[in-house]
C-alpha cells in the first residue's frame, strides 16, 4: 500500500487540487453562515493530517485554505459582528517536520493576523487525537466543529470515528479515502486493516467479480448511510484518473443546511452531475453532453415520489437533497410539471398556492414545513 501511494504521489497532487477545490467552496459557505449567526460564538476546525500546508508546486493545502476562508469570512461579516465569533484551528500531523514547515508557511504568508483566530499545532497520533476531538464535539453548545480527515492511507480510519465525531449533532466531517486501492484489495487478497474498516461498513463478500470501482464507492456510501441512520446525511464526490481508478470524498453531517452547502460545493465543481471529476482534459466523469445540470434522474425520482402520495414542501426539499440534487433543480422540474398539468400545489386550507413557488429551502423546511402541498393531477 505504501509503495502504491508513493508511486502515485504526483498524480495525487493533481487530484488533490480538485479535492481542495470542493473543500474551499464548502468552507466559504460554511464559515460565512456560521460567522454571521448571533448564537454561534466559536468555530473549531480540525485538520488531522495537515501536511506542510503548501504543495511542492506552490499550491495551497488544506490549512492554508482554512485560514484564507476564515479571513474572508471575518471581512464579510455583517452588522459589525466582527470579533464576536472566534475561530480555533488545530493542525495536526504525526510528522513533526511537516508541522514545523506548516508553521513557517503560515507565518511567511501572514495568514493569522486577526485576534479572533487562534492556531494550535500538534503531532499527535490520529487515534489519540480523534478520541479527544470526539469528546470535545459531543459537548458543543454555542460552538460548531468541522473535522477534515485526509489520511495517508486508510488503515487508521474506523466507522466509530465518524459516529463519535458527529455524536453531538453540531459538527461536520469531510473524509478523503483512496478508494482506488481499497477497491482493488477488497476484490483480491484483502489486508487485515482494510477488512477491519470494510466489515464495519459493508459486506465484502457482496463485491463479486463484476463489481466496478463505482459499485464499490456506492456500496461504501450506502453502508455509511445505513450505519449512521436517518438522522445523518451522507454524500460523496468522486475524483477519477481513469477507469476504475477512483478517489473519493465522503461528507457527513446531521445538519440539513450544512448538507445543502456541501452539495452546492460539489455542483460548482461538477456542473453536470454534481458527482465527480475526471483528470483527462476531456469530459467530466459522468458527462453526457452540455455543460449544464443533467436532472433527468431527478425528474424520474420526483414523479415516483409524488405518485405515492401528496408531498409537502419540506418533504420535497429533503428528498431532493438526499438524492444529491439542489433545490433549484427540483424547483425547475416542478415548474415544468405544473405548466404541463402533471402536478398542482395548494396551501393547507385548500386554496391554490402561488404558481411556480415551491418553497424548497432550509428556512421553510425548518419553520414552514407544510407551507404548501404538491400532488399529481
Protein backbone atom coordinates (compact mmCIF):
# COMPACT_ATOMS: atom_id res chain seq x y z
CA UNK A 1 0.00 0.00 0.00
CA UNK A 2 2.75 2.42 0.91
CA UNK A 3 4.56 1.75 -2.35
CA UNK A 4 1.41 2.38 -4.37
CA UNK A 5 0.86 5.73 -2.73
CA UNK A 6 4.46 6.74 -3.29
CA UNK A 7 4.34 5.90 -7.00
CA UNK A 8 1.09 7.85 -7.38
CA UNK A 9 2.24 10.91 -5.49
CA UNK A 10 2.49 13.28 -8.47
CA UNK A 11 -0.89 12.21 -9.82
CA UNK A 12 -2.45 12.54 -6.38
CA UNK A 13 -1.29 16.14 -6.30
CA UNK A 14 -3.46 16.84 -9.36
CA UNK A 15 -6.37 15.04 -7.73
CA UNK A 16 -5.73 16.92 -4.52
CA UNK A 17 -6.37 20.17 -6.38
CA UNK A 18 -9.93 19.06 -7.09
CA UNK A 19 -10.39 17.69 -3.58
CA UNK A 20 -9.29 21.02 -2.12
CA UNK A 21 -11.47 22.94 -4.55
CA UNK A 22 -14.52 21.19 -3.09
CA UNK A 23 -13.20 21.92 0.41
CA UNK A 24 -12.70 25.59 -0.43
CA UNK A 25 -16.19 26.05 -1.92
CA UNK A 26 -17.76 24.42 1.11
CA UNK A 27 -15.72 26.25 3.74
CA UNK A 28 -16.52 29.59 2.12
CA UNK A 29 -20.25 28.97 2.54
CA UNK A 30 -19.93 27.18 5.91
CA UNK A 31 -17.86 29.89 7.60
CA UNK A 32 -19.90 32.73 6.13
CA UNK A 33 -23.12 31.32 7.58
CA UNK A 34 -21.70 30.48 11.00
CA UNK A 35 -19.78 33.71 11.49
CA UNK A 36 -22.99 35.69 10.87
CA UNK A 37 -25.10 33.62 13.25
CA UNK A 38 -25.54 35.54 16.52
CA UNK A 39 -25.99 32.36 18.58
CA UNK A 40 -22.65 30.84 17.49
CA UNK A 41 -19.65 32.16 19.38
CA UNK A 42 -16.90 29.73 18.43
CA UNK A 43 -15.95 27.67 15.35
CA UNK A 44 -13.44 24.84 15.79
CA UNK A 45 -11.63 23.38 12.79
CA UNK A 46 -9.50 20.25 12.97
CA UNK A 47 -7.19 19.07 10.20
CA UNK A 48 -5.97 15.63 11.29
CA UNK A 49 -3.37 15.10 8.54
CA UNK A 50 -2.47 18.67 7.68
CA UNK A 51 0.90 18.23 5.95
CA UNK A 52 3.11 21.30 5.38
CA UNK A 53 0.26 23.44 4.01
CA UNK A 54 1.94 24.14 0.67
CA UNK A 55 2.44 21.61 -2.13
CA UNK A 56 5.75 21.28 -3.95
CA UNK A 57 4.28 23.11 -6.95
CA UNK A 58 3.20 26.02 -4.72
CA UNK A 59 -0.47 25.06 -4.46
CA UNK A 60 -2.30 25.70 -1.19
CA UNK A 61 -3.02 22.77 1.11
CA UNK A 62 -5.97 22.43 3.46
CA UNK A 63 -4.58 24.51 6.39
CA UNK A 64 -3.96 27.48 4.10
CA UNK A 65 -7.44 27.11 2.61
CA UNK A 66 -8.96 27.06 6.11
CA UNK A 67 -7.17 30.25 7.13
CA UNK A 68 -7.88 32.06 3.86
CA UNK A 69 -11.59 31.29 4.14
CA UNK A 70 -11.64 32.31 7.82
CA UNK A 71 -10.07 35.66 6.98
CA UNK A 72 -12.60 36.24 4.20
CA UNK A 73 -15.48 35.28 6.50
CA UNK A 74 -14.28 37.82 9.07
CA UNK A 75 -14.13 40.54 6.42
CA UNK A 76 -17.61 39.69 5.11
CA UNK A 77 -19.35 39.59 8.49
CA UNK A 78 -22.35 41.94 8.64
CA UNK A 79 -23.85 44.25 11.28
CA UNK A 80 -20.44 44.92 12.83
CA UNK A 81 -20.35 41.50 14.47
CA UNK A 82 -16.59 41.27 13.89
CA UNK A 83 -14.89 39.84 16.95
CA UNK A 84 -18.00 38.14 18.33
CA UNK A 85 -17.08 34.82 16.71
CA UNK A 86 -13.76 33.18 17.49
CA UNK A 87 -12.03 30.62 15.30
CA UNK A 88 -9.88 27.88 16.75
CA UNK A 89 -7.79 25.82 14.32
CA UNK A 90 -5.86 22.68 15.18
CA UNK A 91 -3.42 21.49 12.52
CA UNK A 92 -2.06 18.05 13.25
CA UNK A 93 0.40 15.72 11.55
CA UNK A 94 2.32 12.86 13.10
CA UNK A 95 5.37 14.01 11.13
CA UNK A 96 6.71 16.88 13.23
CA UNK A 97 8.87 18.14 10.34
CA UNK A 98 5.73 18.75 8.30
CA UNK A 99 4.19 20.60 11.22
CA UNK A 100 7.30 22.80 11.53
CA UNK A 101 7.13 23.53 7.80
CA UNK A 102 3.44 24.36 8.11
CA UNK A 103 4.10 26.82 10.93
CA UNK A 104 6.78 28.53 8.83
CA UNK A 105 4.50 28.67 5.77
CA UNK A 106 1.63 30.22 7.73
CA UNK A 107 3.91 32.80 9.32
CA UNK A 108 5.52 33.63 5.96
CA UNK A 109 2.11 34.14 4.35
CA UNK A 110 0.92 36.13 7.40
CA UNK A 111 -2.33 34.17 7.49
CA UNK A 112 -3.08 34.58 11.19
CA UNK A 113 -3.44 38.32 11.72
CA UNK A 114 -6.86 38.55 13.41
CA UNK A 115 -7.18 38.44 17.19
CA UNK A 116 -10.24 36.22 16.86
CA UNK A 117 -8.18 33.41 15.25
CA UNK A 118 -6.02 31.00 17.25
CA UNK A 119 -3.88 28.23 15.82
CA UNK A 120 -2.64 25.15 17.62
CA UNK A 121 -0.03 22.86 16.05
CA UNK A 122 0.31 19.26 17.14
CA UNK A 123 2.00 15.97 16.21
CA UNK A 124 -0.36 13.50 17.84
CA UNK A 125 -1.24 10.05 16.64
CA UNK A 126 -4.56 10.12 14.81
CA UNK A 127 -6.15 7.53 17.09
CA UNK A 128 -5.32 9.55 20.19
CA UNK A 129 -6.44 12.86 18.74
CA UNK A 130 -9.74 11.67 17.28
CA UNK A 131 -10.87 10.47 20.71
CA UNK A 132 -10.13 13.88 22.23
CA UNK A 133 -11.88 15.76 19.44
CA UNK A 134 -14.92 13.48 19.55
CA UNK A 135 -15.27 14.17 23.28
CA UNK A 136 -14.99 17.89 22.64
CA UNK A 137 -17.51 17.84 19.77
CA UNK A 138 -20.03 15.86 21.83
CA UNK A 139 -20.23 18.74 24.32
CA UNK A 140 -20.55 21.68 21.93
CA UNK A 141 -23.19 24.23 22.83
CA UNK A 142 -22.79 27.62 21.15
CA UNK A 143 -19.83 26.29 19.16
CA UNK A 144 -19.61 24.35 15.92
CA UNK A 145 -16.98 21.83 14.82
CA UNK A 146 -15.55 20.72 11.50
CA UNK A 147 -13.12 17.82 11.00
CA UNK A 148 -11.13 17.26 7.82
CA UNK A 149 -9.64 13.77 7.64
CA UNK A 150 -7.27 13.24 4.71
CA UNK A 151 -5.18 10.22 5.78
CA UNK A 152 -2.05 8.84 4.16
CA UNK A 153 -3.92 5.58 3.54
CA UNK A 154 -6.92 4.02 5.19
CA UNK A 155 -5.69 1.76 8.00
CA UNK A 156 -6.27 4.40 10.69
CA UNK A 157 -9.92 5.07 9.80
CA UNK A 158 -12.85 3.44 11.60
CA UNK A 159 -16.60 3.93 11.32
CA UNK A 160 -16.75 4.63 15.05
CA UNK A 161 -14.58 7.72 14.44
CA UNK A 162 -17.25 9.25 12.22
CA UNK A 163 -20.02 8.24 14.61
CA UNK A 164 -18.27 9.76 17.62
CA UNK A 165 -17.33 12.99 15.82
CA UNK A 166 -20.98 13.51 14.84
CA UNK A 167 -22.47 12.48 18.17
CA UNK A 168 -23.24 15.96 19.47
CA UNK A 169 -25.13 16.99 16.33
CA UNK A 170 -23.14 20.22 15.93
CA UNK A 171 -20.26 19.11 13.72
CA UNK A 172 -19.42 18.06 10.19
CA UNK A 173 -16.81 15.62 8.88
CA UNK A 174 -15.14 15.53 5.47
CA UNK A 175 -13.23 12.29 4.81
CA UNK A 176 -10.98 11.58 1.83
CA UNK A 177 -10.30 7.92 1.04
CA UNK A 178 -8.02 6.27 -1.57
CA UNK A 179 -10.89 4.09 -2.79
CA UNK A 180 -8.83 3.05 -5.83
CA UNK A 181 -6.56 0.94 -3.64
CA UNK A 182 -9.30 -0.13 -1.28
CA UNK A 183 -11.39 -1.44 -4.18
CA UNK A 184 -8.51 -3.38 -5.69
CA UNK A 185 -7.53 -5.01 -2.41
CA UNK A 186 -11.15 -5.72 -1.49
CA UNK A 187 -11.52 -7.82 -4.65
CA UNK A 188 -8.27 -9.71 -4.16
CA UNK A 189 -6.29 -10.54 -1.03
CA UNK A 190 -7.75 -8.09 1.45
CA UNK A 191 -5.32 -6.73 4.09
CA UNK A 192 -6.47 -7.07 7.68
CA UNK A 193 -6.53 -3.28 8.09
CA UNK A 194 -8.96 -2.95 5.18
CA UNK A 195 -11.06 -5.87 6.42
CA UNK A 196 -11.45 -4.10 9.76
CA UNK A 197 -12.73 -0.95 8.08
CA UNK A 198 -14.97 -2.57 5.48
CA UNK A 199 -16.51 -5.07 7.86
CA UNK A 200 -17.91 -2.11 9.82
CA UNK A 201 -19.45 -0.53 6.71
CA UNK A 202 -20.34 -3.25 4.19
CA UNK A 203 -20.26 -6.94 3.35
CA UNK A 204 -17.04 -7.61 1.43
CA UNK A 205 -18.48 -10.83 0.03
CA UNK A 206 -21.15 -8.78 -1.76
CA UNK A 207 -18.48 -7.50 -4.16
CA UNK A 208 -18.40 -10.04 -6.98
CA UNK A 209 -16.05 -10.20 -9.96
CA UNK A 210 -18.27 -7.87 -11.99
CA UNK A 211 -18.21 -5.08 -9.42
CA UNK A 212 -16.66 -1.83 -10.62
CA UNK A 213 -14.88 0.91 -8.73
CA UNK A 214 -18.06 2.95 -8.76
CA UNK A 215 -20.02 -0.02 -7.40
CA UNK A 216 -17.53 -0.15 -4.55
CA UNK A 217 -17.87 3.57 -3.76
CA UNK A 218 -21.67 3.41 -3.85
CA UNK A 219 -21.60 0.36 -1.57
CA UNK A 220 -19.38 2.20 0.93
CA UNK A 221 -21.63 5.29 0.80
CA UNK A 222 -24.77 3.18 1.29
CA UNK A 223 -23.03 1.39 4.15
CA UNK A 224 -22.22 4.68 5.85
CA UNK A 225 -25.83 5.81 5.44
CA UNK A 226 -27.19 2.57 6.84
CA UNK A 227 -24.89 2.55 9.87
CA UNK A 228 -25.28 6.23 10.72
CA UNK A 229 -29.07 6.24 10.35
CA UNK A 230 -31.65 8.68 9.03
CA UNK A 231 -30.63 11.47 11.42
CA UNK A 232 -27.42 11.94 9.47
CA UNK A 233 -26.76 12.95 5.88
CA UNK A 234 -24.01 11.30 3.84
CA UNK A 235 -22.80 12.04 0.35
CA UNK A 236 -19.72 11.53 -1.82
CA UNK A 237 -17.69 13.24 -4.52
CA UNK A 238 -15.66 11.03 -6.86
CA UNK A 239 -12.30 12.03 -8.33
CA UNK A 240 -11.09 9.78 -11.16
CA UNK A 241 -7.86 9.42 -13.10
CA UNK A 242 -9.03 6.70 -15.45
CA UNK A 243 -11.31 3.66 -15.49
CA UNK A 244 -11.68 2.11 -12.03
CA UNK A 245 -9.08 4.42 -10.51
CA UNK A 246 -11.19 6.45 -8.12
CA UNK A 247 -10.54 8.56 -5.06
CA UNK A 248 -13.48 9.80 -3.06
CA UNK A 249 -14.58 12.49 -0.61
CA UNK A 250 -17.26 11.45 1.86
CA UNK A 251 -19.20 14.15 3.71
CA UNK A 252 -21.11 13.58 6.96
CA UNK A 253 -23.42 15.89 8.90
CA UNK A 254 -26.62 15.94 10.91
CA UNK A 255 -27.38 19.49 9.78
CA UNK A 256 -29.59 19.92 6.72
CA UNK A 257 -28.23 23.34 5.80
CA UNK A 258 -24.65 22.09 6.05
CA UNK A 259 -25.58 19.21 3.78
CA UNK A 260 -27.09 21.57 1.21
CA UNK A 261 -23.96 23.73 1.19
CA UNK A 262 -21.74 20.71 0.56
CA UNK A 263 -23.96 19.64 -2.34
CA UNK A 264 -23.72 23.17 -3.69
CA UNK A 265 -19.92 22.97 -3.48
CA UNK A 266 -19.96 19.70 -5.44
CA UNK A 267 -22.18 21.14 -8.17
CA UNK A 268 -19.82 24.11 -8.51
CA UNK A 269 -17.07 21.66 -9.48
CA UNK A 270 -19.20 19.22 -11.50
CA UNK A 271 -21.87 21.39 -13.14
CA UNK A 272 -23.47 18.48 -15.00
CA UNK A 273 -23.97 15.78 -12.39
CA UNK A 274 -22.64 17.08 -9.07
CA UNK A 275 -20.95 13.73 -8.52
CA UNK A 276 -17.38 13.66 -9.77
CA UNK A 277 -14.41 14.90 -11.74
CA UNK A 278 -12.01 13.20 -14.14
CA UNK A 279 -8.43 14.28 -14.83
CA UNK A 280 -8.02 13.79 -18.56
CA UNK A 281 -8.80 17.15 -20.08
CA UNK A 282 -11.95 15.70 -21.58
CA UNK A 283 -15.48 15.15 -20.41
CA UNK A 284 -16.45 15.05 -16.81
CA UNK A 285 -16.55 11.58 -15.26
CA UNK A 286 -20.32 11.45 -15.64
CA UNK A 287 -20.59 13.79 -18.63
CA UNK A 288 -23.39 13.43 -21.13
CA UNK A 289 -23.30 16.38 -23.48
CA UNK A 290 -23.69 20.03 -22.47
CA UNK A 291 -22.05 21.74 -19.53
CA UNK A 292 -25.37 22.12 -17.69
CA UNK A 293 -27.12 20.21 -14.95
CA UNK A 294 -28.44 16.82 -16.04
CA UNK A 295 -31.55 16.36 -13.92
CA UNK A 296 -33.36 13.63 -15.84
CA UNK A 297 -32.80 11.17 -12.99
CA UNK A 298 -34.30 13.63 -10.50
CA UNK A 299 -37.33 14.05 -12.77
CA UNK A 300 -37.98 10.31 -12.62
CA UNK A 301 -37.41 10.23 -8.88
CA UNK A 302 -39.81 13.10 -8.21
CA UNK A 303 -42.52 11.59 -10.40
CA UNK A 304 -42.30 8.34 -8.45
CA UNK A 305 -42.15 10.19 -5.11
CA UNK A 306 -45.29 12.19 -5.93
CA UNK A 307 -47.15 9.20 -7.33
CA UNK A 308 -47.07 7.57 -3.89
CA UNK A 309 -48.97 10.43 -2.16
CA UNK A 310 -49.08 14.20 -1.86
CA UNK A 311 -45.93 15.83 -0.51
CA UNK A 312 -45.16 18.95 1.49
CA UNK A 313 -42.52 21.48 0.52
CA UNK A 314 -40.32 20.15 3.38
CA UNK A 315 -40.60 16.57 2.15
CA UNK A 316 -39.68 17.61 -1.39
CA UNK A 317 -36.74 19.69 -0.16
CA UNK A 318 -35.28 16.87 1.93
CA UNK A 319 -35.94 14.25 -0.75
CA UNK A 320 -34.09 16.38 -3.31
CA UNK A 321 -31.03 16.81 -1.10
CA UNK A 322 -30.87 13.17 -0.05
CA UNK A 323 -30.70 12.24 -3.72
CA UNK A 324 -27.76 14.57 -4.34
CA UNK A 325 -29.53 17.45 -6.11
CA UNK A 326 -30.07 21.11 -5.28
CA UNK A 327 -33.43 22.79 -4.52
CA UNK A 328 -33.20 24.84 -7.72
CA UNK A 329 -33.07 21.62 -9.75
CA UNK A 330 -36.27 20.33 -8.16
CA UNK A 331 -37.98 23.74 -8.45
CA UNK A 332 -37.32 23.87 -12.20
CA UNK A 333 -38.67 20.34 -12.67
CA UNK A 334 -41.78 21.01 -10.60
CA UNK A 335 -42.46 24.22 -12.52
CA UNK A 336 -42.35 22.29 -15.80
CA UNK A 337 -44.63 19.61 -14.33
CA UNK A 338 -47.01 22.31 -13.15
CA UNK A 339 -47.11 24.03 -16.55
CA UNK A 340 -47.80 20.72 -18.29
CA UNK A 341 -50.58 19.97 -15.83
CA UNK A 342 -48.91 16.97 -14.21
CA UNK A 343 -48.96 18.44 -10.69
CA UNK A 344 -50.78 21.08 -8.70
CA UNK A 345 -49.88 22.87 -5.47
CA UNK A 346 -52.16 24.01 -2.67
CA UNK A 347 -51.99 25.71 0.68
CA UNK A 348 -53.06 23.74 3.73
CA UNK A 349 -56.53 25.31 3.65
CA UNK A 350 -57.04 24.04 0.11
CA UNK A 351 -56.54 27.36 -1.67
CA UNK A 352 -54.25 27.28 -4.72
CA UNK A 353 -50.64 28.15 -3.96
CA UNK A 354 -48.77 30.77 -5.93
CA UNK A 355 -47.72 29.28 -9.24
CA UNK A 356 -44.06 28.48 -9.59
CA UNK A 357 -43.38 28.85 -5.86
CA UNK A 358 -42.47 25.61 -4.10
CA UNK A 359 -40.55 26.93 -1.06
CA UNK A 360 -37.73 24.43 -1.32
CA UNK A 361 -35.26 26.00 1.08
CA UNK A 362 -33.82 25.42 4.51
CA UNK A 363 -35.75 28.23 6.21
CA UNK A 364 -39.15 26.90 5.14
CA UNK A 365 -38.08 23.32 5.81
CA UNK A 366 -37.28 24.41 9.35
CA UNK A 367 -40.05 26.95 10.06
CA UNK A 368 -42.81 26.27 7.50
CA UNK A 369 -42.54 22.57 6.60
CA UNK A 370 -46.14 22.39 5.32
CA UNK A 371 -46.38 25.78 3.65
CA UNK A 372 -47.73 24.09 0.51
CA UNK A 373 -48.75 20.61 -0.59
CA UNK A 374 -47.84 19.28 -4.04
CA UNK A 375 -49.72 16.41 -5.63
CA UNK A 376 -50.10 14.78 -9.03
CA UNK A 377 -53.20 15.59 -11.08
